[in-house]
Protein backbone atom coordinates (compact mmCIF):
# COMPACT_ATOMS: atom_id res chain seq x y z
CA MET A 1 -0.01 -0.01 -0.01
CA ARG A 2 2.83 2.32 0.84
CA TYR A 3 4.51 1.76 -2.52
CA GLU A 4 1.23 2.35 -4.40
CA TRP A 5 0.92 5.66 -2.68
CA LEU A 6 4.52 6.64 -3.56
CA LEU A 7 3.95 5.53 -7.16
CA GLY A 8 0.85 7.71 -7.30
CA LEU A 9 2.84 10.75 -6.16
CA LEU A 10 5.53 10.09 -8.75
CA LEU A 11 2.92 9.83 -11.49
CA LEU A 12 1.38 13.14 -10.42
CA ALA A 13 4.78 14.81 -10.47
CA GLN A 14 5.47 13.78 -14.07
CA PRO A 15 5.23 16.74 -16.50
CA LYS A 16 2.07 16.64 -18.61
CA GLU A 17 2.55 16.16 -22.31
CA LEU A 18 1.61 19.33 -24.28
CA PRO A 19 -1.31 18.92 -26.73
CA PHE A 20 0.75 20.37 -29.56
CA GLN A 21 4.12 20.11 -31.28
CA LEU A 22 6.02 23.08 -32.70
CA SER A 23 7.93 23.06 -35.96
CA ASP A 24 9.07 25.34 -38.80
CA ASN A 25 7.79 24.89 -42.38
CA PRO A 26 10.10 25.28 -45.43
CA ASN A 27 9.27 29.01 -45.55
CA GLY A 28 10.52 29.53 -41.97
CA GLU A 29 6.99 29.95 -40.51
CA LYS A 30 6.35 28.63 -37.02
CA MET A 31 3.76 25.82 -37.09
CA ALA A 32 1.83 23.98 -34.41
CA GLN A 33 0.42 20.45 -34.95
CA ILE A 34 -2.45 20.41 -32.44
CA LYS A 35 -4.30 17.43 -31.05
CA ARG A 36 -7.82 18.20 -32.08
CA GLU A 37 -9.38 16.42 -29.13
CA SER A 38 -7.54 18.68 -26.68
CA CYS A 39 -9.87 21.54 -27.64
CA THR A 40 -12.98 19.61 -28.41
CA THR A 41 -16.28 19.11 -26.60
CA HIS A 42 -19.30 17.14 -27.86
CA LEU A 43 -22.92 18.12 -27.99
CA LEU A 44 -25.24 15.39 -29.30
CA ASP A 45 -22.19 13.70 -30.81
CA VAL A 46 -21.36 16.92 -32.74
CA PRO A 47 -17.73 18.04 -32.17
CA LEU A 48 -17.56 21.65 -31.03
CA VAL A 49 -14.68 23.97 -29.94
CA ASP A 50 -14.28 24.13 -26.16
CA THR A 51 -13.45 27.79 -25.80
CA GLN A 52 -11.93 27.35 -22.30
CA LYS A 53 -9.59 24.60 -23.51
CA LEU A 54 -8.74 26.67 -26.59
CA ASN A 55 -7.79 29.69 -24.49
CA ARG A 56 -5.64 27.45 -22.34
CA LEU A 57 -3.98 26.05 -25.45
CA ALA A 58 -3.24 29.56 -26.69
CA GLU A 59 -1.59 30.40 -23.36
CA GLN A 60 0.58 27.27 -23.56
CA ILE A 61 1.67 28.03 -27.10
CA ASP A 62 2.38 31.66 -26.21
CA LYS A 63 4.47 30.56 -23.28
CA SER A 64 6.43 28.12 -25.50
CA ILE A 65 7.31 30.66 -28.18
CA TYR A 66 7.61 33.87 -26.09
CA ARG A 67 10.93 35.60 -26.36
CA LYS A 68 11.56 38.76 -24.22
CA PRO A 69 12.85 41.87 -26.04
CA ILE A 70 16.36 42.88 -25.04
CA ASN A 71 17.29 46.56 -24.82
CA ALA A 72 20.42 48.02 -26.46
CA THR A 73 23.22 48.48 -23.97
CA ILE A 74 26.66 50.03 -23.69
CA SER A 75 29.43 47.49 -23.23
CA ASP A 76 32.33 47.84 -20.82
CA SER A 77 34.48 48.89 -23.75
CA GLY A 78 32.09 51.70 -24.57
CA GLY A 79 30.48 50.24 -27.71
CA ILE A 80 26.71 49.99 -28.27
CA VAL A 81 25.36 46.43 -28.20
CA LYS A 82 22.38 46.34 -30.55
CA GLU A 83 18.93 45.59 -29.30
CA ILE A 84 17.11 42.33 -29.96
CA ALA A 85 13.39 42.28 -30.72
CA GLY A 86 11.11 39.80 -28.88
CA VAL A 87 8.22 37.76 -30.09
CA ARG A 88 4.96 36.35 -28.82
CA LEU A 89 1.81 34.74 -30.17
CA ASN A 90 -0.70 37.03 -31.86
CA ARG A 91 -3.69 35.48 -30.12
CA SER A 92 -6.54 36.99 -32.03
CA ALA A 93 -5.00 36.00 -35.35
CA PHE A 94 -4.22 32.54 -34.01
CA LEU A 95 -7.84 32.00 -32.99
CA ASN A 96 -8.96 32.95 -36.49
CA GLU A 97 -6.47 30.47 -37.97
CA PHE A 98 -7.61 27.73 -35.54
CA TYR A 99 -11.33 28.15 -36.24
CA GLY A 100 -10.68 28.22 -39.94
CA GLN A 101 -9.01 24.77 -39.84
CA PHE A 102 -10.75 23.00 -36.93
CA TYR A 103 -13.35 21.27 -39.12
CA SER A 104 -10.92 20.45 -42.00
CA GLU A 105 -9.89 16.86 -42.71
CA GLY A 106 -6.53 15.49 -41.61
CA PRO A 107 -4.11 16.71 -38.94
CA LEU A 108 -4.73 20.15 -37.40
CA ASN A 109 -1.64 22.10 -38.52
CA VAL A 110 -1.95 25.76 -37.74
CA ALA A 111 0.47 28.46 -38.79
CA LEU A 112 1.31 30.58 -35.78
CA PRO A 113 0.94 34.31 -36.37
CA LEU A 114 3.61 36.13 -34.37
CA GLN A 115 3.70 39.58 -32.85
CA THR A 116 7.00 41.40 -32.66
CA LEU A 117 7.89 42.98 -29.33
CA TYR A 118 10.18 46.02 -29.71
CA PRO A 119 12.59 46.91 -26.89
CA LYS A 120 12.01 50.20 -25.07
CA VAL A 121 15.67 51.17 -25.74
CA ASP A 122 17.17 50.86 -29.23
CA SER A 123 20.63 51.67 -30.46
CA GLU A 124 19.54 55.02 -31.91
CA LEU A 125 18.01 56.22 -28.58
CA LEU A 126 21.02 55.01 -26.61
CA ALA A 127 23.46 56.79 -28.89
CA SER A 128 21.55 60.07 -28.46
CA ILE A 129 21.36 60.07 -24.65
CA ARG A 130 24.92 59.13 -23.81
CA VAL A 131 26.40 62.36 -25.20
CA ARG A 132 25.86 64.81 -22.31
CA PRO A 133 26.85 63.98 -18.71
CA ILE A 134 24.45 65.70 -16.26
CA GLY A 135 25.27 64.00 -12.98
CA TYR A 136 28.12 61.95 -11.49
CA TYR A 137 29.15 60.57 -8.12
CA VAL A 138 31.93 58.37 -6.68
CA THR A 139 32.03 56.54 -3.34
CA TYR A 140 34.74 54.33 -1.89
CA PHE A 141 34.84 51.01 -0.05
CA ASN A 142 37.18 48.47 1.53
CA THR A 143 37.95 45.63 -0.91
CA ARG A 144 38.82 43.07 1.81
CA ASN A 145 35.17 42.07 2.37
CA ASN A 146 34.55 39.78 -0.64
CA HIS A 147 30.90 39.15 0.23
CA ARG A 148 30.09 42.84 0.39
CA VAL A 149 31.92 43.51 -2.91
CA THR A 150 29.87 40.78 -4.59
CA ASN A 151 26.65 42.47 -3.45
CA LEU A 152 27.86 45.84 -4.68
CA LYS A 153 28.66 44.41 -8.12
CA LEU A 154 25.30 42.69 -8.44
CA ALA A 155 23.30 45.77 -7.52
CA THR A 156 25.38 47.92 -9.81
CA GLN A 157 24.86 45.53 -12.77
CA ALA A 158 21.10 45.70 -12.17
CA ILE A 159 20.91 49.49 -12.58
CA ASN A 160 23.68 49.85 -15.22
CA ASN A 161 22.36 50.94 -18.67
CA TYR A 162 18.89 51.62 -17.26
CA VAL A 163 17.05 54.31 -19.24
CA VAL A 164 14.49 56.43 -17.34
CA GLN A 165 11.92 57.87 -19.74
CA PRO A 166 10.28 61.32 -19.32
CA ASN A 167 7.73 61.22 -16.47
CA GLU A 168 8.89 57.73 -15.46
CA THR A 169 9.64 56.93 -11.79
CA PHE A 170 12.67 54.80 -11.06
CA SER A 171 12.39 52.57 -8.00
CA PHE A 172 15.67 51.07 -6.71
CA ASN A 173 13.93 48.05 -5.16
CA ARG A 174 11.86 47.31 -8.24
CA VAL A 175 14.82 47.55 -10.63
CA VAL A 176 17.39 45.69 -8.42
CA GLY A 177 14.80 43.12 -7.27
CA VAL A 178 14.78 40.87 -4.22
CA ARG A 179 18.19 40.13 -2.77
CA THR A 180 18.35 36.32 -2.32
CA PRO A 181 21.17 33.70 -2.43
CA SER A 182 19.62 32.17 -5.57
CA ARG A 183 20.35 35.45 -7.37
CA GLY A 184 23.95 35.47 -6.14
CA TYR A 185 23.63 37.82 -3.18
CA MET A 186 25.71 36.99 -0.10
CA SER A 187 25.54 37.59 3.57
CA ALA A 188 27.78 40.51 4.54
CA LYS A 189 28.03 40.19 8.30
CA VAL A 190 29.92 43.38 8.94
CA ILE A 191 29.40 46.80 10.51
CA VAL A 192 30.92 49.62 8.60
CA ARG A 193 31.27 52.25 11.34
CA GLY A 194 27.59 52.23 12.16
CA GLU A 195 26.27 50.74 8.92
CA PHE A 196 24.46 47.53 9.88
CA SER A 197 24.07 45.03 7.03
CA GLU A 198 20.75 43.37 6.23
CA GLY A 199 22.30 39.93 6.10
CA ILE A 200 21.74 38.64 2.57
CA GLY A 201 22.54 41.51 0.23
CA GLY A 202 24.18 43.60 2.91
CA GLY A 203 26.05 46.69 1.68
CA ILE A 204 23.96 47.62 -1.40
CA CYS A 205 22.88 50.80 0.34
CA GLN A 206 26.23 52.16 -0.83
CA ILE A 207 24.91 51.71 -4.41
CA SER A 208 21.54 53.39 -3.67
CA SER A 209 23.38 56.21 -1.87
CA THR A 210 25.83 56.74 -4.70
CA LEU A 211 22.93 56.79 -7.14
CA PHE A 212 20.96 59.28 -5.00
CA ASN A 213 23.81 61.75 -5.08
CA ALA A 214 24.38 61.38 -8.85
CA VAL A 215 20.67 61.84 -9.45
CA ASP A 216 20.46 64.83 -7.14
CA ARG A 217 23.33 66.52 -8.94
CA ALA A 218 21.48 65.88 -12.23
CA GLY A 219 18.41 67.80 -10.91
CA LEU A 220 16.01 64.88 -11.11
CA THR A 221 13.02 64.86 -8.78
CA ILE A 222 13.55 62.74 -5.61
CA ILE A 223 10.30 60.96 -4.71
CA GLU A 224 11.33 58.67 -1.84
CA ARG A 225 14.54 58.60 0.25
CA TYR A 226 15.33 57.61 3.79
CA SER A 227 18.57 58.05 5.73
CA HIS A 228 20.13 55.42 7.99
CA SER A 229 19.57 55.76 11.75
CA ARG A 230 23.32 56.23 12.05
CA SER A 231 25.88 58.02 9.83
CA VAL A 232 27.62 55.88 7.19
CA PRO A 233 31.25 56.53 6.11
CA TYR A 234 30.96 56.43 2.31
CA VAL A 235 28.90 59.64 1.88
CA PRO A 236 28.69 62.95 3.81
CA HIS A 237 26.26 63.06 6.72
CA GLY A 238 22.64 63.08 5.57
CA ARG A 239 23.57 62.20 1.96
CA ASP A 240 22.69 58.42 2.20
CA ALA A 241 19.70 56.50 0.87
CA THR A 242 18.91 53.35 2.81
CA VAL A 243 17.05 50.57 1.02
CA ASN A 244 15.70 47.19 2.10
CA TRP A 245 13.46 44.71 0.24
CA GLY A 246 9.98 45.10 1.57
CA GLY A 247 10.95 48.27 3.45
CA PRO A 248 12.60 51.61 2.58
CA ASP A 249 13.06 52.39 -1.07
CA PHE A 250 14.87 55.04 -3.06
CA SER A 251 12.95 56.43 -6.02
CA PHE A 252 13.12 59.46 -8.33
CA ARG A 253 11.17 60.81 -11.27
CA ASN A 254 12.53 62.11 -14.61
CA ASP A 255 10.70 65.40 -15.05
CA TYR A 256 12.91 66.40 -18.02
CA ASN A 257 11.57 66.18 -21.54
CA GLN A 258 14.40 63.73 -22.54
CA PRO A 259 15.23 60.23 -21.35
CA VAL A 260 18.21 59.87 -19.04
CA LEU A 261 20.69 57.04 -18.91
CA ILE A 262 22.23 55.51 -15.76
CA ARG A 263 25.75 54.09 -16.07
CA ALA A 264 27.19 52.29 -13.00
CA HIS A 265 30.37 50.49 -12.43
CA VAL A 266 32.30 48.98 -9.46
CA LEU A 267 36.06 49.44 -9.79
CA PRO A 268 38.58 48.18 -7.20
CA GLY A 269 37.71 50.18 -4.10
CA SER A 270 35.23 52.59 -5.65
CA VAL A 271 31.69 52.88 -7.05
CA HIS A 272 31.09 55.16 -10.03
CA ILE A 273 27.63 56.18 -11.19
CA SER A 274 26.90 58.72 -13.94
CA ILE A 275 23.70 60.19 -15.40
CA SER A 276 23.70 61.37 -18.98
CA SER A 277 21.13 62.52 -21.60
CA SER A 278 20.88 64.21 -24.99
CA ASP A 279 22.14 67.66 -25.96
CA GLY A 280 18.60 68.94 -25.99
CA ILE A 281 18.02 68.60 -22.25
CA ASN A 282 17.69 71.72 -20.11
CA VAL A 283 19.47 70.62 -16.93
CA LYS A 284 18.75 72.20 -13.54
CA SER A 285 21.71 70.78 -11.64
CA ARG A 286 22.16 70.94 -7.90
CA HIS A 287 25.28 71.28 -5.76
CA VAL A 288 26.12 68.03 -3.98
CA PRO A 289 29.16 67.62 -1.70
CA GLY A 290 31.61 64.94 -2.75
CA ALA A 291 32.41 61.75 -0.79
CA THR A 292 35.61 61.23 1.22
CA GLU A 293 38.26 59.06 -0.42
CA ALA A 294 39.17 57.54 3.00
CA ILE A 295 38.69 53.77 2.95
CA PRO A 296 35.99 52.76 5.47
CA GLU A 297 37.10 50.64 8.33
CA GLU A 298 35.23 47.33 8.57
CA ILE A 299 34.70 45.43 11.78
CA GLU A 300 33.81 41.75 11.63
CA THR A 301 30.87 40.62 13.79
CA ASN A 302 29.30 37.28 14.55
CA SER A 303 25.92 38.70 15.49
CA ASN A 304 22.80 37.90 13.42
CA VAL A 305 21.93 41.11 11.64
CA LYS A 306 19.46 39.80 9.05
CA ASN A 307 16.63 42.18 10.00
CA SER A 308 18.69 45.36 10.27
CA LEU A 309 19.29 47.78 7.40
CA PRO A 310 22.47 48.14 5.30
């Protein structure tokens, strides 16, 4: 009896076979060979289309062929990496194709009409908004803490090459995402002269603080910012921006009539973040004091600091 129960669980865990097979015809068109019975219901022995099953089929096909668009970016060498268009199923056109062939003889082979998904940022836009620097900030860190450096690099990579469109609000937590071990973030169990880490992802407040100062210099509108309860060493007093997943966020809005580009890099011992745009932007810059170049002292601690802020 025990083995039958275990066998039943294993059978339930097996992936279900999809009711279609994808292929390409000689013309390069994407095709789907569909099992007719997977979308069929019967009324007085008359086969009819089951709309619920058909909609579920369309979702499955869309999921199988979906390709996310990829924005153009600037490489580390300074060259522009061209954008890549995405694709998904054109559902309304697919339903028309399906109904047109459902009652035909033979296998149900349906050509899949595709919808092109264009990236928000293409090469032309990127080339136009990299020309005029409007904000820049550098902070410094101790390179001996490898876990913290890893977190700095991951958060920097998340915001690098991000384009904020006119009237768009940038949220640090939304763009960087949740900080988990599965995404590469590490536990940084250190105190940096009063900066308490949040455990996993500790230290990324240095990235949000560097970004805040670059954004403030660029004259962008600060929407949400919170300071740490204690001073941190990498920015002047009161110039920090604490963040924590599910808690404090740093956000700003682009009130200019041109998109702005964020460029962010971690170099040995320093974080560099710049804001740029096109020549047509009318910048209203602000004065922001620079950060000290003194390397912060780090003190190891064995205490559990998972719930405190970086």
